[in-house]
Amino acid sequence: MTTSIKHWAARPRSASQVLQLYIWFVMTLLLVQGSGSLALRLWPALAAVTPVLIATLMNGNTPHAILHIVWGTFGLVWMFTLRGDRDRLALGLLFGVFYTLLGFMGIIFFNPFGLRLGWPENLFHLVVGPVMLLLSIFAWRTPQRILWRGSVSLQ
């Protein structure tokens, strides 16, 4: 098992593969964060025993949690069912545009759509969205070029 993980981590990555890994990571993160946020909101007893740092990361805003759950679920279902490079590219572009615009909306407008978008949320959206856009554009422009040569040591 360890050998296969080392082999996988050391393989060169194309731009499309890096985009794929990033999409899986972001969509999983959104689903976990949204679910945790909603759980803290629905069960005050759970919120009372949750460490402050985790509770802060979870946000606790119901519309924002639902947005994360919807995007995470949508993205993971998309990735499980549509496996082509063009499908990943379409999801990356769609998500990247949406999250980048959401970040700017949070800066320009106070509390858009009741999402409670403070500076931490806007910073998250303005990092995750543009990175997704950049990876999508790079994958579109250079689908077969090796972007990253893994030299990860997993011992």
C-alpha atoms as a PDB file:
ATOM      1  CA  MET A   1       0.000   0.000   0.000  1.00  0.00           C
ATOM      2  CA  THR A   2       2.763   2.452   0.928  1.00  0.00           C
ATOM      3  CA  THR A   3       4.636   1.666  -2.266  1.00  0.00           C
ATOM      4  CA  SER A   4       1.619   2.468  -4.423  1.00  0.00           C
ATOM      5  CA  ILE A   5       1.087   5.776  -2.564  1.00  0.00           C
ATOM      6  CA  LYS A   6       4.744   6.681  -3.099  1.00  0.00           C
ATOM      7  CA  HIS A   7       4.460   5.757  -6.759  1.00  0.00           C
ATOM      8  CA  TRP A   8       1.259   7.791  -7.172  1.00  0.00           C
ATOM      9  CA  ALA A   9       2.698  10.840  -5.387  1.00  0.00           C
ATOM     10  CA  ALA A  10       5.904  10.758  -7.443  1.00  0.00           C
ATOM     11  CA  ARG A  11       4.164  10.594 -10.872  1.00  0.00           C
ATOM     12  CA  PRO A  12       4.355  13.666 -13.081  1.00  0.00           C
ATOM     13  CA  ARG A  13       1.076  15.599 -13.239  1.00  0.00           C
ATOM     14  CA  SER A  14      -0.495  17.274 -16.244  1.00  0.00           C
ATOM     15  CA  ALA A  15      -2.418  20.504 -15.821  1.00  0.00           C
ATOM     16  CA  SER A  16      -5.661  18.538 -16.179  1.00  0.00           C
ATOM     17  CA  GLN A  17      -4.645  16.131 -13.422  1.00  0.00           C
ATOM     18  CA  VAL A  18      -3.724  18.997 -11.079  1.00  0.00           C
ATOM     19  CA  LEU A  19      -7.119  20.581 -11.790  1.00  0.00           C
ATOM     20  CA  GLN A  20      -8.807  17.259 -11.048  1.00  0.00           C
ATOM     21  CA  LEU A  21      -7.015  16.898  -7.704  1.00  0.00           C
ATOM     22  CA  TYR A  22      -7.863  20.498  -6.769  1.00  0.00           C
ATOM     23  CA  ILE A  23     -11.543  20.045  -7.647  1.00  0.00           C
ATOM     24  CA  TRP A  24     -11.778  16.865  -5.540  1.00  0.00           C
ATOM     25  CA  PHE A  25     -10.088  18.644  -2.624  1.00  0.00           C
ATOM     26  CA  VAL A  26     -12.199  21.820  -2.801  1.00  0.00           C
ATOM     27  CA  MET A  27     -15.541  20.051  -3.263  1.00  0.00           C
ATOM     28  CA  THR A  28     -14.821  17.661  -0.378  1.00  0.00           C
ATOM     29  CA  LEU A  29     -13.728  20.602   1.796  1.00  0.00           C
ATOM     30  CA  LEU A  30     -16.915  22.521   0.962  1.00  0.00           C
ATOM     31  CA  LEU A  31     -19.148  19.560   1.777  1.00  0.00           C
ATOM     32  CA  VAL A  32     -17.389  18.917   5.101  1.00  0.00           C
ATOM     33  CA  GLN A  33     -17.305  22.594   6.080  1.00  0.00           C
ATOM     34  CA  GLY A  34     -20.929  23.193   5.102  1.00  0.00           C
ATOM     35  CA  SER A  35     -22.140  20.064   6.888  1.00  0.00           C
ATOM     36  CA  GLY A  36     -20.187  20.974  10.027  1.00  0.00           C
ATOM     37  CA  SER A  37     -21.476  24.527   9.925  1.00  0.00           C
ATOM     38  CA  LEU A  38     -25.071  23.382   9.535  1.00  0.00           C
ATOM     39  CA  ALA A  39     -24.688  20.833  12.342  1.00  0.00           C
ATOM     40  CA  LEU A  40     -23.370  23.530  14.696  1.00  0.00           C
ATOM     41  CA  ARG A  41     -26.269  25.765  13.754  1.00  0.00           C
ATOM     42  CA  LEU A  42     -28.952  23.093  14.215  1.00  0.00           C
ATOM     43  CA  TRP A  43     -27.614  21.581  17.460  1.00  0.00           C
ATOM     44  CA  PRO A  44     -26.636  24.241  20.025  1.00  0.00           C
ATOM     45  CA  ALA A  45     -25.378  21.542  22.402  1.00  0.00           C
ATOM     46  CA  LEU A  46     -22.802  20.542  19.785  1.00  0.00           C
ATOM     47  CA  ALA A  47     -21.819  24.175  19.282  1.00  0.00           C
ATOM     48  CA  ALA A  48     -21.335  24.579  23.044  1.00  0.00           C
ATOM     49  CA  VAL A  49     -18.664  21.861  23.181  1.00  0.00           C
ATOM     50  CA  THR A  50     -16.938  22.706  19.896  1.00  0.00           C
ATOM     51  CA  PRO A  51     -13.569  24.439  20.203  1.00  0.00           C
ATOM     52  CA  VAL A  52     -13.672  28.113  19.221  1.00  0.00           C
ATOM     53  CA  LEU A  53     -11.266  27.708  16.282  1.00  0.00           C
ATOM     54  CA  ILE A  54     -13.350  24.940  14.719  1.00  0.00           C
ATOM     55  CA  ALA A  55     -16.599  26.814  15.354  1.00  0.00           C
ATOM     56  CA  THR A  56     -15.088  29.892  13.687  1.00  0.00           C
ATOM     57  CA  LEU A  57     -14.009  27.876  10.640  1.00  0.00           C
ATOM     58  CA  MET A  58     -17.464  26.367  10.387  1.00  0.00           C
ATOM     59  CA  ASN A  59     -19.043  29.866  10.071  1.00  0.00           C
ATOM     60  CA  GLY A  60     -22.440  28.887  11.569  1.00  0.00           C
ATOM     61  CA  ASN A  61     -24.499  30.756   8.974  1.00  0.00           C
ATOM     62  CA  THR A  62     -27.288  28.547   7.570  1.00  0.00           C
ATOM     63  CA  PRO A  63     -27.518  30.004   4.024  1.00  0.00           C
ATOM     64  CA  HIS A  64     -23.728  29.932   3.688  1.00  0.00           C
ATOM     65  CA  ALA A  65     -23.612  26.343   4.961  1.00  0.00           C
ATOM     66  CA  ILE A  66     -26.278  25.300   2.475  1.00  0.00           C
ATOM     67  CA  LEU A  67     -24.361  26.991  -0.343  1.00  0.00           C
ATOM     68  CA  HIS A  68     -21.240  24.992   0.587  1.00  0.00           C
ATOM     69  CA  ILE A  69     -23.193  21.745   0.896  1.00  0.00           C
ATOM     70  CA  VAL A  70     -24.859  22.300  -2.490  1.00  0.00           C
ATOM     71  CA  TRP A  71     -21.597  23.145  -4.248  1.00  0.00           C
ATOM     72  CA  GLY A  72     -19.702  20.310  -2.554  1.00  0.00           C
ATOM     73  CA  THR A  73     -22.382  17.745  -3.363  1.00  0.00           C
ATOM     74  CA  PHE A  74     -22.880  19.038  -6.902  1.00  0.00           C
ATOM     75  CA  GLY A  75     -19.132  19.033  -7.558  1.00  0.00           C
ATOM     76  CA  LEU A  76     -18.554  15.553  -6.152  1.00  0.00           C
ATOM     77  CA  VAL A  77     -21.505  14.079  -8.057  1.00  0.00           C
ATOM     78  CA  TRP A  78     -20.207  15.793 -11.212  1.00  0.00           C
ATOM     79  CA  MET A  79     -16.729  14.337 -10.657  1.00  0.00           C
ATOM     80  CA  PHE A  80     -18.070  10.839  -9.974  1.00  0.00           C
ATOM     81  CA  THR A  81     -20.383  10.779 -13.004  1.00  0.00           C
ATOM     82  CA  LEU A  82     -18.607  12.917 -15.621  1.00  0.00           C
ATOM     83  CA  ARG A  83     -14.984  11.847 -15.900  1.00  0.00           C
ATOM     84  CA  GLY A  84     -13.726  13.584 -19.033  1.00  0.00           C
ATOM     85  CA  ASP A  85     -11.186  16.404 -19.147  1.00  0.00           C
ATOM     86  CA  ARG A  86     -13.786  18.705 -20.704  1.00  0.00           C
ATOM     87  CA  ASP A  87     -16.208  17.930 -17.860  1.00  0.00           C
ATOM     88  CA  ARG A  88     -13.607  18.826 -15.232  1.00  0.00           C
ATOM     89  CA  LEU A  89     -12.731  21.945 -17.178  1.00  0.00           C
ATOM     90  CA  ALA A  90     -16.389  23.026 -17.342  1.00  0.00           C
ATOM     91  CA  LEU A  91     -16.857  22.492 -13.604  1.00  0.00           C
ATOM     92  CA  GLY A  92     -13.611  24.313 -12.814  1.00  0.00           C
ATOM     93  CA  LEU A  93     -14.595  27.315 -14.922  1.00  0.00           C
ATOM     94  CA  LEU A  94     -18.158  27.432 -13.571  1.00  0.00           C
ATOM     95  CA  PHE A  95     -17.068  27.143  -9.959  1.00  0.00           C
ATOM     96  CA  GLY A  96     -14.128  29.522 -10.387  1.00  0.00           C
ATOM     97  CA  VAL A  97     -16.279  32.269 -11.890  1.00  0.00           C
ATOM     98  CA  PHE A  98     -19.028  31.808  -9.288  1.00  0.00           C
ATOM     99  CA  TYR A  99     -16.698  31.861  -6.270  1.00  0.00           C
ATOM    100  CA  THR A 100     -14.623  34.757  -7.576  1.00  0.00           C
ATOM    101  CA  LEU A 101     -17.788  36.802  -8.134  1.00  0.00           C
ATOM    102  CA  LEU A 102     -19.079  35.781  -4.703  1.00  0.00           C
ATOM    103  CA  GLY A 103     -15.857  37.067  -3.132  1.00  0.00           C
ATOM    104  CA  PHE A 104     -16.195  40.427  -4.881  1.00  0.00           C
ATOM    105  CA  MET A 105     -19.888  40.650  -3.986  1.00  0.00           C
ATOM    106  CA  GLY A 106     -18.993  40.118  -0.345  1.00  0.00           C
ATOM    107  CA  ILE A 107     -16.605  43.070  -0.506  1.00  0.00           C
ATOM    108  CA  ILE A 108     -18.914  45.405  -2.424  1.00  0.00           C
ATOM    109  CA  PHE A 109     -22.242  44.618  -0.716  1.00  0.00           C
ATOM    110  CA  PHE A 110     -23.059  44.144   2.945  1.00  0.00           C
ATOM    111  CA  ASN A 111     -24.312  40.633   3.698  1.00  0.00           C
ATOM    112  CA  PRO A 112     -25.363  39.643   0.138  1.00  0.00           C
ATOM    113  CA  PHE A 113     -28.156  37.051   0.062  1.00  0.00           C
ATOM    114  CA  GLY A 114     -27.888  36.707   3.860  1.00  0.00           C
ATOM    115  CA  LEU A 115     -24.615  34.763   3.493  1.00  0.00           C
ATOM    116  CA  ARG A 116     -22.715  36.633   6.237  1.00  0.00           C
ATOM    117  CA  LEU A 117     -19.642  37.247   4.119  1.00  0.00           C
ATOM    118  CA  GLY A 118     -16.973  38.811   6.305  1.00  0.00           C
ATOM    119  CA  TRP A 119     -13.318  39.247   5.442  1.00  0.00           C
ATOM    120  CA  PRO A 120     -12.366  35.620   6.230  1.00  0.00           C
ATOM    121  CA  GLU A 121     -15.100  34.280   3.939  1.00  0.00           C
ATOM    122  CA  ASN A 122     -14.270  36.775   1.193  1.00  0.00           C
ATOM    123  CA  LEU A 123     -10.588  35.903   1.437  1.00  0.00           C
ATOM    124  CA  PHE A 124     -11.447  32.207   1.128  1.00  0.00           C
ATOM    125  CA  HIS A 125     -13.657  32.844  -1.909  1.00  0.00           C
ATOM    126  CA  LEU A 126     -11.070  35.140  -3.513  1.00  0.00           C
ATOM    127  CA  VAL A 127      -8.352  32.512  -3.131  1.00  0.00           C
ATOM    128  CA  VAL A 128     -10.239  29.328  -3.968  1.00  0.00           C
ATOM    129  CA  GLY A 129     -12.190  30.815  -6.911  1.00  0.00           C
ATOM    130  CA  PRO A 130      -9.288  32.446  -8.797  1.00  0.00           C
ATOM    131  CA  VAL A 131      -7.014  29.437  -8.187  1.00  0.00           C
ATOM    132  CA  MET A 132      -9.729  27.234  -9.693  1.00  0.00           C
ATOM    133  CA  LEU A 133      -9.998  29.628 -12.643  1.00  0.00           C
ATOM    134  CA  LEU A 134      -6.240  29.701 -13.185  1.00  0.00           C
ATOM    135  CA  LEU A 135      -5.938  25.921 -13.036  1.00  0.00           C
ATOM    136  CA  SER A 136      -8.887  25.571 -15.421  1.00  0.00           C
ATOM    137  CA  ILE A 137      -7.422  28.024 -17.912  1.00  0.00           C
ATOM    138  CA  PHE A 138      -4.016  26.367 -17.682  1.00  0.00           C
ATOM    139  CA  ALA A 139      -5.592  22.920 -18.179  1.00  0.00           C
ATOM    140  CA  TRP A 140      -7.527  24.251 -21.165  1.00  0.00           C
ATOM    141  CA  ARG A 141      -4.446  25.805 -22.744  1.00  0.00           C
ATOM    142  CA  THR A 142      -1.996  22.988 -21.994  1.00  0.00           C
ATOM    143  CA  PRO A 143      -3.938  19.742 -21.516  1.00  0.00           C
ATOM    144  CA  GLN A 144      -0.977  17.377 -21.906  1.00  0.00           C
ATOM    145  CA  ARG A 145       1.907  19.464 -20.575  1.00  0.00           C
ATOM    146  CA  ILE A 146       3.424  18.215 -17.338  1.00  0.00           C
ATOM    147  CA  LEU A 147       2.796  20.821 -14.684  1.00  0.00           C
ATOM    148  CA  TRP A 148       4.228  19.182 -11.601  1.00  0.00           C
ATOM    149  CA  ARG A 149       6.825  16.482 -11.121  1.00  0.00           C
ATOM    150  CA  GLY A 150       6.118  14.839  -7.817  1.00  0.00           C
ATOM    151  CA  SER A 151       9.025  14.451  -5.472  1.00  0.00           C
ATOM    152  CA  VAL A 152       7.017  13.730  -2.380  1.00  0.00           C
ATOM    153  CA  SER A 153       8.528  11.512   0.261  1.00  0.00           C
ATOM    154  CA  LEU A 154       5.907   9.513   2.157  1.00  0.00           C
ATOM    155  CA  GLN A 155       7.899   7.595   4.713  1.00  0.00           C
END
